[in-house]
All heavy atoms as atom14 arrays in JSON, in Angstrom:
{
  "sequence": "SKVVEPKLTTVHFHYKTSGIEAANIIMNMIENGDKIIRDIK",
  "atom14_mask": [
    [1, 1, 1, 1, 1, 1, 0, 0, 0, 0, 0, 0, 0, 0],
    [1, 1, 1, 1, 1, 1, 1, 1, 1, 0, 0, 0, 0, 0],
    [1, 1, 1, 1, 1, 1, 1, 0, 0, 0, 0, 0, 0, 0],
    [1, 1, 1, 1, 1, 1, 1, 0, 0, 0, 0, 0, 0, 0],
    [1, 1, 1, 1, 1, 1, 1, 1, 1, 0, 0, 0, 0, 0],
    [1, 1, 1, 1, 1, 1, 1, 0, 0, 0, 0, 0, 0, 0],
    [1, 1, 1, 1, 1, 1, 1, 1, 1, 0, 0, 0, 0, 0],
    [1, 1, 1, 1, 1, 1, 1, 1, 0, 0, 0, 0, 0, 0],
    [1, 1, 1, 1, 1, 1, 1, 0, 0, 0, 0, 0, 0, 0],
    [1, 1, 1, 1, 1, 1, 1, 0, 0, 0, 0, 0, 0, 0],
    [1, 1, 1, 1, 1, 1, 1, 0, 0, 0, 0, 0, 0, 0],
    [1, 1, 1, 1, 1, 1, 1, 1, 1, 1, 0, 0, 0, 0],
    [1, 1, 1, 1, 1, 1, 1, 1, 1, 1, 1, 0, 0, 0],
    [1, 1, 1, 1, 1, 1, 1, 1, 1, 1, 0, 0, 0, 0],
    [1, 1, 1, 1, 1, 1, 1, 1, 1, 1, 1, 1, 0, 0],
    [1, 1, 1, 1, 1, 1, 1, 1, 1, 0, 0, 0, 0, 0],
    [1, 1, 1, 1, 1, 1, 1, 0, 0, 0, 0, 0, 0, 0],
    [1, 1, 1, 1, 1, 1, 0, 0, 0, 0, 0, 0, 0, 0],
    [1, 1, 1, 1, 0, 0, 0, 0, 0, 0, 0, 0, 0, 0],
    [1, 1, 1, 1, 1, 1, 1, 1, 0, 0, 0, 0, 0, 0],
    [1, 1, 1, 1, 1, 1, 1, 1, 1, 0, 0, 0, 0, 0],
    [1, 1, 1, 1, 1, 0, 0, 0, 0, 0, 0, 0, 0, 0],
    [1, 1, 1, 1, 1, 0, 0, 0, 0, 0, 0, 0, 0, 0],
    [1, 1, 1, 1, 1, 1, 1, 1, 0, 0, 0, 0, 0, 0],
    [1, 1, 1, 1, 1, 1, 1, 1, 0, 0, 0, 0, 0, 0],
    [1, 1, 1, 1, 1, 1, 1, 1, 0, 0, 0, 0, 0, 0],
    [1, 1, 1, 1, 1, 1, 1, 1, 0, 0, 0, 0, 0, 0],
    [1, 1, 1, 1, 1, 1, 1, 1, 0, 0, 0, 0, 0, 0],
    [1, 1, 1, 1, 1, 1, 1, 1, 0, 0, 0, 0, 0, 0],
    [1, 1, 1, 1, 1, 1, 1, 1, 0, 0, 0, 0, 0, 0],
    [1, 1, 1, 1, 1, 1, 1, 1, 1, 0, 0, 0, 0, 0],
    [1, 1, 1, 1, 1, 1, 1, 1, 0, 0, 0, 0, 0, 0],
    [1, 1, 1, 1, 0, 0, 0, 0, 0, 0, 0, 0, 0, 0],
    [1, 1, 1, 1, 1, 1, 1, 1, 0, 0, 0, 0, 0, 0],
    [1, 1, 1, 1, 1, 1, 1, 1, 1, 0, 0, 0, 0, 0],
    [1, 1, 1, 1, 1, 1, 1, 1, 0, 0, 0, 0, 0, 0],
    [1, 1, 1, 1, 1, 1, 1, 1, 0, 0, 0, 0, 0, 0],
    [1, 1, 1, 1, 1, 1, 1, 1, 1, 1, 1, 0, 0, 0],
    [1, 1, 1, 1, 1, 1, 1, 1, 0, 0, 0, 0, 0, 0],
    [1, 1, 1, 1, 1, 1, 1, 1, 0, 0, 0, 0, 0, 0],
    [1, 1, 1, 1, 1, 1, 1, 1, 1, 0, 0, 0, 0, 0]
  ],
  "atom14_positions": [
    [[0.85, -1.22, 0.03], [0.0, -0.01, -0.01], [0.85, 1.28, -0.02], [0.35, 2.32, -0.41], [-0.94, 0.0, 1.19], [-0.21, 0.25, 2.41], [0.0, 0.0, 0.0], [0.0, 0.0, 0.0], [0.0, 0.0, 0.0], [0.0, 0.0, 0.0], [0.0, 0.0, 0.0], [0.0, 0.0, 0.0], [0.0, 0.0, 0.0], [0.0, 0.0, 0.0]],
    [[2.1, 1.08, 0.43], [2.98, 2.24, 0.54], [3.75, 2.49, -0.74], [4.31, 3.61, -0.98], [3.97, 2.06, 1.68], [3.32, 1.78, 3.04], [4.33, 1.3, 4.06], [3.66, 0.76, 5.32], [4.59, 0.22, 6.3], [0.0, 0.0, 0.0], [0.0, 0.0, 0.0], [0.0, 0.0, 0.0], [0.0, 0.0, 0.0], [0.0, 0.0, 0.0]],
    [[3.92, 1.47, -1.64], [4.76, 1.59, -2.79], [3.94, 1.61, -4.12], [4.46, 2.01, -5.16], [5.78, 0.49, -2.85], [6.69, 0.57, -1.66], [5.12, -0.9, -2.95], [0.0, 0.0, 0.0], [0.0, 0.0, 0.0], [0.0, 0.0, 0.0], [0.0, 0.0, 0.0], [0.0, 0.0, 0.0], [0.0, 0.0, 0.0], [0.0, 0.0, 0.0]],
    [[2.68, 1.16, -4.06], [1.85, 1.15, -5.27], [1.62, 2.6, -5.67], [1.55, 3.53, -4.85], [0.54, 0.37, -5.01], [-0.37, 1.13, -4.06], [-0.17, 0.08, -6.29], [0.0, 0.0, 0.0], [0.0, 0.0, 0.0], [0.0, 0.0, 0.0], [0.0, 0.0, 0.0], [0.0, 0.0, 0.0], [0.0, 0.0, 0.0], [0.0, 0.0, 0.0]],
    [[1.39, 2.81, -6.96], [1.15, 4.19, -7.46], [-0.27, 4.26, -7.98], [-0.66, 3.48, -8.87], [2.11, 4.57, -8.56], [3.56, 4.76, -8.08], [3.68, 5.97, -7.19], [2.82, 6.9, -7.26], [4.63, 6.03, -6.38], [0.0, 0.0, 0.0], [0.0, 0.0, 0.0], [0.0, 0.0, 0.0], [0.0, 0.0, 0.0], [0.0, 0.0, 0.0]],
    [[-1.12, 5.21, -7.48], [-0.84, 6.05, -6.36], [-0.9, 5.29, -5.03], [-1.44, 4.22, -4.99], [-1.96, 7.05, -6.41], [-3.1, 6.33, -7.09], [-2.44, 5.44, -8.11], [0.0, 0.0, 0.0], [0.0, 0.0, 0.0], [0.0, 0.0, 0.0], [0.0, 0.0, 0.0], [0.0, 0.0, 0.0], [0.0, 0.0, 0.0], [0.0, 0.0, 0.0]],
    [[-0.25, 5.82, -4.0], [-0.26, 5.16, -2.7], [-1.67, 5.03, -2.2], [-2.51, 5.9, -2.39], [0.6, 5.95, -1.69], [2.1, 5.94, -2.02], [2.87, 6.67, -0.98], [4.38, 6.62, -1.23], [4.76, 7.23, -2.5], [0.0, 0.0, 0.0], [0.0, 0.0, 0.0], [0.0, 0.0, 0.0], [0.0, 0.0, 0.0], [0.0, 0.0, 0.0]],
    [[-1.94, 3.9, -1.52], [-3.3, 3.5, -1.19], [-3.73, 3.99, 0.18], [-3.03, 3.8, 1.21], [-3.44, 1.97, -1.21], [-4.77, 1.35, -0.89], [-5.82, 1.67, -1.96], [-4.62, -0.19, -0.76], [0.0, 0.0, 0.0], [0.0, 0.0, 0.0], [0.0, 0.0, 0.0], [0.0, 0.0, 0.0], [0.0, 0.0, 0.0], [0.0, 0.0, 0.0]],
    [[-4.86, 4.67, 0.23], [-5.52, 5.01, 1.5], [-6.03, 3.74, 2.13], [-6.73, 2.95, 1.5], [-6.7, 6.02, 1.26], [-6.18, 7.25, 0.82], [-7.44, 6.25, 2.58], [0.0, 0.0, 0.0], [0.0, 0.0, 0.0], [0.0, 0.0, 0.0], [0.0, 0.0, 0.0], [0.0, 0.0, 0.0], [0.0, 0.0, 0.0], [0.0, 0.0, 0.0]],
    [[-5.7, 3.52, 3.41], [-5.96, 2.22, 4.02], [-6.15, 2.37, 5.52], [-5.99, 3.43, 6.11], [-4.8, 1.27, 3.69], [-5.07, -0.07, 4.21], [-3.47, 1.76, 4.29], [0.0, 0.0, 0.0], [0.0, 0.0, 0.0], [0.0, 0.0, 0.0], [0.0, 0.0, 0.0], [0.0, 0.0, 0.0], [0.0, 0.0, 0.0], [0.0, 0.0, 0.0]],
    [[-6.47, 1.26, 6.19], [-6.61, 1.21, 7.62], [-5.42, 0.49, 8.25], [-5.05, -0.6, 7.81], [-7.89, 0.43, 8.0], [-8.02, 0.32, 9.55], [-9.12, 1.16, 7.48], [0.0, 0.0, 0.0], [0.0, 0.0, 0.0], [0.0, 0.0, 0.0], [0.0, 0.0, 0.0], [0.0, 0.0, 0.0], [0.0, 0.0, 0.0], [0.0, 0.0, 0.0]],
    [[-4.84, 1.11, 9.24], [-3.76, 0.51, 9.98], [-4.28, -0.14, 11.23], [-4.82, 0.57, 12.14], [-2.65, 1.53, 10.33], [-1.53, 0.93, 11.16], [-0.48, 0.29, 10.63], [-1.37, 0.98, 12.51], [0.32, -0.08, 11.6], [-0.2, 0.3, 12.77], [0.0, 0.0, 0.0], [0.0, 0.0, 0.0], [0.0, 0.0, 0.0], [0.0, 0.0, 0.0]],
    [[-4.17, -1.46, 11.37], [-4.49, -2.14, 12.59], [-3.18, -2.52, 13.32], [-2.14, -2.7, 12.67], [-5.23, -3.44, 12.32], [-6.7, -3.21, 11.92], [-7.22, -3.83, 10.78], [-7.54, -2.43, 12.67], [-8.52, -3.61, 10.41], [-8.86, -2.2, 12.31], [-9.36, -2.8, 11.17], [0.0, 0.0, 0.0], [0.0, 0.0, 0.0], [0.0, 0.0, 0.0]],
    [[-3.24, -2.59, 14.63], [-2.02, -2.89, 15.42], [-1.86, -4.39, 15.6], [-2.02, -4.94, 16.69], [-2.13, -2.12, 16.74], [-2.36, -0.67, 16.61], [-1.34, 0.22, 16.28], [-3.48, 0.1, 16.73], [-1.84, 1.44, 16.24], [-3.12, 1.42, 16.5], [0.0, 0.0, 0.0], [0.0, 0.0, 0.0], [0.0, 0.0, 0.0], [0.0, 0.0, 0.0]],
    [[-1.46, -4.98, 14.48], [-1.33, -6.47, 14.46], [-0.27, -7.02, 15.41], [-0.52, -7.96, 16.12], [-1.1, -6.95, 13.05], [-2.24, -6.73, 12.1], [-2.13, -5.89, 11.02], [-3.44, -7.44, 12.28], [-3.21, -5.7, 10.14], [-4.54, -7.27, 11.42], [-4.37, -6.41, 10.34], [-5.45, -6.22, 9.49], [0.0, 0.0, 0.0], [0.0, 0.0, 0.0]],
    [[0.9, -6.4, 15.37], [1.98, -6.87, 16.24], [1.59, -6.77, 17.74], [1.83, -7.73, 18.5], [3.27, -6.1, 15.99], [4.45, -6.6, 16.83], [5.72, -5.84, 16.54], [6.86, -6.33, 17.42], [8.13, -5.57, 17.21], [0.0, 0.0, 0.0], [0.0, 0.0, 0.0], [0.0, 0.0, 0.0], [0.0, 0.0, 0.0], [0.0, 0.0, 0.0]],
    [[0.97, -5.64, 18.04], [0.54, -5.43, 19.43], [-0.52, -6.46, 19.86], [-0.54, -6.99, 20.97], [-0.04, -4.03, 19.62], [0.96, -3.1, 19.22], [-0.39, -3.76, 21.08], [0.0, 0.0, 0.0], [0.0, 0.0, 0.0], [0.0, 0.0, 0.0], [0.0, 0.0, 0.0], [0.0, 0.0, 0.0], [0.0, 0.0, 0.0], [0.0, 0.0, 0.0]],
    [[-1.4, -6.8, 18.88], [-2.39, -7.88, 19.11], [-1.77, -9.16, 19.46], [-2.16, -9.89, 20.4], [-3.28, -8.04, 17.92], [-4.03, -6.9, 17.63], [0.0, 0.0, 0.0], [0.0, 0.0, 0.0], [0.0, 0.0, 0.0], [0.0, 0.0, 0.0], [0.0, 0.0, 0.0], [0.0, 0.0, 0.0], [0.0, 0.0, 0.0], [0.0, 0.0, 0.0]],
    [[-0.67, -9.49, 18.76], [0.09, -10.73, 19.03], [0.73, -10.73, 20.38], [0.72, -11.73, 21.11], [0.0, 0.0, 0.0], [0.0, 0.0, 0.0], [0.0, 0.0, 0.0], [0.0, 0.0, 0.0], [0.0, 0.0, 0.0], [0.0, 0.0, 0.0], [0.0, 0.0, 0.0], [0.0, 0.0, 0.0], [0.0, 0.0, 0.0], [0.0, 0.0, 0.0]],
    [[1.27, -9.58, 20.76], [1.93, -9.45, 22.08], [0.86, -9.66, 23.2], [1.11, -10.34, 24.19], [2.64, -8.11, 22.23], [3.84, -8.03, 21.3], [3.06, -7.88, 23.66], [4.51, -6.67, 21.2], [0.0, 0.0, 0.0], [0.0, 0.0, 0.0], [0.0, 0.0, 0.0], [0.0, 0.0, 0.0], [0.0, 0.0, 0.0], [0.0, 0.0, 0.0]],
    [[-0.27, -9.0, 23.05], [-1.36, -9.08, 24.04], [-1.82, -10.52, 24.19], [-2.02, -11.02, 25.29], [-2.55, -8.18, 23.65], [-2.23, -6.67, 23.76], [-2.11, -6.22, 25.19], [-2.53, -6.95, 26.1], [-1.64, -5.1, 25.41], [0.0, 0.0, 0.0], [0.0, 0.0, 0.0], [0.0, 0.0, 0.0], [0.0, 0.0, 0.0], [0.0, 0.0, 0.0]],
    [[-1.98, -11.22, 23.03], [-2.46, -12.6, 23.08], [-1.43, -13.52, 23.84], [-1.8, -14.33, 24.6], [-2.65, -13.14, 21.64], [0.0, 0.0, 0.0], [0.0, 0.0, 0.0], [0.0, 0.0, 0.0], [0.0, 0.0, 0.0], [0.0, 0.0, 0.0], [0.0, 0.0, 0.0], [0.0, 0.0, 0.0], [0.0, 0.0, 0.0], [0.0, 0.0, 0.0]],
    [[-0.18, -13.27, 23.55], [0.86, -14.07, 24.18], [0.91, -13.84, 25.68], [1.03, -14.75, 26.47], [2.25, -13.71, 23.58], [0.0, 0.0, 0.0], [0.0, 0.0, 0.0], [0.0, 0.0, 0.0], [0.0, 0.0, 0.0], [0.0, 0.0, 0.0], [0.0, 0.0, 0.0], [0.0, 0.0, 0.0], [0.0, 0.0, 0.0], [0.0, 0.0, 0.0]],
    [[0.77, -12.58, 26.11], [0.76, -12.26, 27.57], [-0.41, -12.87, 28.27], [-0.29, -13.37, 29.4], [0.81, -10.75, 27.74], [2.11, -10.13, 27.4], [3.18, -10.8, 27.48], [2.11, -8.83, 27.01], [0.0, 0.0, 0.0], [0.0, 0.0, 0.0], [0.0, 0.0, 0.0], [0.0, 0.0, 0.0], [0.0, 0.0, 0.0], [0.0, 0.0, 0.0]],
    [[-1.6, -12.85, 27.57], [-2.78, -13.44, 28.2], [-2.62, -14.93, 28.4], [-2.92, -15.52, 29.47], [-4.03, -13.14, 27.38], [-4.38, -11.64, 27.46], [-5.17, -13.98, 27.8], [-5.49, -11.22, 26.54], [0.0, 0.0, 0.0], [0.0, 0.0, 0.0], [0.0, 0.0, 0.0], [0.0, 0.0, 0.0], [0.0, 0.0, 0.0], [0.0, 0.0, 0.0]],
    [[-2.16, -15.64, 27.34], [-2.07, -17.11, 27.45], [-0.97, -17.52, 28.43], [-1.11, -18.54, 29.16], [-1.84, -17.72, 26.08], [-2.34, -19.17, 26.12], [-0.38, -17.69, 25.6], [-2.62, -19.79, 24.78], [0.0, 0.0, 0.0], [0.0, 0.0, 0.0], [0.0, 0.0, 0.0], [0.0, 0.0, 0.0], [0.0, 0.0, 0.0], [0.0, 0.0, 0.0]],
    [[0.13, -16.75, 28.51], [1.15, -17.06, 29.53], [0.58, -16.91, 30.95], [0.89, -17.71, 31.85], [2.39, -16.17, 29.33], [3.22, -16.66, 28.16], [4.87, -15.85, 28.13], [4.43, -14.16, 27.73], [0.0, 0.0, 0.0], [0.0, 0.0, 0.0], [0.0, 0.0, 0.0], [0.0, 0.0, 0.0], [0.0, 0.0, 0.0], [0.0, 0.0, 0.0]],
    [[-0.22, -15.86, 31.18], [-0.88, -15.62, 32.46], [-1.8, -16.8, 32.83], [-1.91, -17.22, 33.96], [-1.59, -14.31, 32.46], [-1.86, -13.82, 33.86], [-1.18, -14.13, 34.81], [-2.99, -13.05, 33.98], [0.0, 0.0, 0.0], [0.0, 0.0, 0.0], [0.0, 0.0, 0.0], [0.0, 0.0, 0.0], [0.0, 0.0, 0.0], [0.0, 0.0, 0.0]],
    [[-2.49, -17.28, 31.8], [-3.42, -18.43, 32.03], [-2.64, -19.67, 32.36], [-3.07, -20.45, 33.26], [-4.25, -18.64, 30.75], [-5.21, -17.52, 30.43], [-5.99, -17.71, 28.78], [-7.19, -19.0, 29.09], [0.0, 0.0, 0.0], [0.0, 0.0, 0.0], [0.0, 0.0, 0.0], [0.0, 0.0, 0.0], [0.0, 0.0, 0.0], [0.0, 0.0, 0.0]],
    [[-1.53, -19.89, 31.73], [-0.72, -21.06, 31.98], [0.05, -21.01, 33.29], [0.01, -21.96, 34.1], [0.29, -21.27, 30.82], [-0.41, -21.58, 29.5], [1.29, -22.43, 31.14], [0.48, -21.47, 28.28], [0.0, 0.0, 0.0], [0.0, 0.0, 0.0], [0.0, 0.0, 0.0], [0.0, 0.0, 0.0], [0.0, 0.0, 0.0], [0.0, 0.0, 0.0]],
    [[0.68, -19.9, 33.53], [1.53, -19.77, 34.69], [0.76, -19.52, 35.98], [1.14, -20.06, 37.05], [2.56, -18.6, 34.51], [3.43, -18.74, 33.3], [4.48, -19.88, 33.41], [4.72, -20.31, 34.56], [5.04, -20.3, 32.37], [0.0, 0.0, 0.0], [0.0, 0.0, 0.0], [0.0, 0.0, 0.0], [0.0, 0.0, 0.0], [0.0, 0.0, 0.0]],
    [[-0.3, -18.76, 35.94], [-0.99, -18.34, 37.11], [-2.4, -18.95, 37.21], [-3.13, -18.63, 38.23], [-1.07, -16.82, 37.18], [0.29, -16.18, 37.13], [1.25, -16.66, 37.78], [0.46, -15.09, 36.36], [0.0, 0.0, 0.0], [0.0, 0.0, 0.0], [0.0, 0.0, 0.0], [0.0, 0.0, 0.0], [0.0, 0.0, 0.0], [0.0, 0.0, 0.0]],
    [[-2.78, -19.73, 36.25], [-4.17, -20.27, 36.28], [-5.25, -19.24, 36.17], [-6.36, -19.42, 36.64], [0.0, 0.0, 0.0], [0.0, 0.0, 0.0], [0.0, 0.0, 0.0], [0.0, 0.0, 0.0], [0.0, 0.0, 0.0], [0.0, 0.0, 0.0], [0.0, 0.0, 0.0], [0.0, 0.0, 0.0], [0.0, 0.0, 0.0], [0.0, 0.0, 0.0]],
    [[-4.93, -18.12, 35.51], [-5.87, -17.02, 35.34], [-7.11, -17.45, 34.51], [-6.94, -17.9, 33.35], [-5.21, -15.83, 34.65], [-6.12, -14.6, 34.63], [-7.22, -14.66, 35.13], [-5.69, -13.61, 34.01], [0.0, 0.0, 0.0], [0.0, 0.0, 0.0], [0.0, 0.0, 0.0], [0.0, 0.0, 0.0], [0.0, 0.0, 0.0], [0.0, 0.0, 0.0]],
    [[-8.28, -17.36, 35.02], [-9.51, -17.78, 34.34], [-10.38, -16.63, 33.92], [-11.47, -16.8, 33.39], [-10.3, -18.78, 35.2], [-9.47, -20.02, 35.55], [-10.07, -21.17, 35.51], [-9.25, -22.38, 36.02], [-8.77, -23.1, 34.82], [0.0, 0.0, 0.0], [0.0, 0.0, 0.0], [0.0, 0.0, 0.0], [0.0, 0.0, 0.0], [0.0, 0.0, 0.0]],
    [[-9.91, -15.42, 34.19], [-10.65, -14.22, 33.82], [-10.72, -14.07, 32.3], [-9.71, -14.18, 31.59], [-10.07, -12.94, 34.44], [-10.1, -13.03, 35.95], [-10.8, -11.7, 33.97], [-9.38, -11.89, 36.65], [0.0, 0.0, 0.0], [0.0, 0.0, 0.0], [0.0, 0.0, 0.0], [0.0, 0.0, 0.0], [0.0, 0.0, 0.0], [0.0, 0.0, 0.0]],
    [[-11.91, -13.87, 31.75], [-12.11, -13.72, 30.32], [-11.73, -12.26, 29.95], [-12.24, -11.31, 30.45], [-13.6, -13.96, 29.9], [-14.0, -15.4, 30.28], [-13.74, -13.73, 28.4], [-13.18, -16.47, 29.65], [0.0, 0.0, 0.0], [0.0, 0.0, 0.0], [0.0, 0.0, 0.0], [0.0, 0.0, 0.0], [0.0, 0.0, 0.0], [0.0, 0.0, 0.0]],
    [[-10.8, -12.13, 29.03], [-10.28, -10.78, 28.64], [-10.71, -10.54, 27.21], [-10.38, -11.24, 26.28], [-8.79, -10.73, 28.81], [-8.36, -11.03, 30.21], [-6.94, -10.78, 30.52], [-6.61, -11.19, 31.88], [-6.82, -10.55, 33.01], [-7.35, -9.38, 32.93], [-6.45, -11.06, 34.17], [0.0, 0.0, 0.0], [0.0, 0.0, 0.0], [0.0, 0.0, 0.0]],
    [[-11.47, -9.44, 27.02], [-12.05, -9.04, 25.75], [-11.37, -7.72, 25.37], [-11.67, -6.67, 25.91], [-13.55, -8.89, 25.92], [-14.25, -8.34, 24.74], [-13.6, -7.99, 23.7], [-15.51, -8.17, 24.76], [0.0, 0.0, 0.0], [0.0, 0.0, 0.0], [0.0, 0.0, 0.0], [0.0, 0.0, 0.0], [0.0, 0.0, 0.0], [0.0, 0.0, 0.0]],
    [[-10.45, -7.79, 24.42], [-9.7, -6.56, 24.06], [-9.95, -6.17, 22.61], [-9.6, -6.91, 21.66], [-8.16, -6.8, 24.26], [-7.86, -7.18, 25.73], [-7.38, -5.55, 23.81], [-6.42, -7.48, 25.96], [0.0, 0.0, 0.0], [0.0, 0.0, 0.0], [0.0, 0.0, 0.0], [0.0, 0.0, 0.0], [0.0, 0.0, 0.0], [0.0, 0.0, 0.0]],
    [[-10.61, -5.05, 22.41], [-10.84, -4.54, 21.07], [-9.75, -3.49, 20.78], [-9.64, -2.48, 21.48], [-12.22, -3.88, 20.97], [-12.54, -3.37, 19.58], [-13.88, -2.6, 19.59], [-15.05, -3.51, 19.74], [-16.37, -2.87, 19.54], [0.0, 0.0, 0.0], [0.0, 0.0, 0.0], [0.0, 0.0, 0.0], [0.0, 0.0, 0.0], [0.0, 0.0, 0.0]]
  ]
}
């Protein structure tokens, strides 16, 4: 989207951050037995 001509108007989602959040949640579930449902938009 950054190199095509003309450059494309688009939506940026925070995909890497989503991955980090998912990893932190599952580690907390594994290590601490956390059963709280986490809903992150």
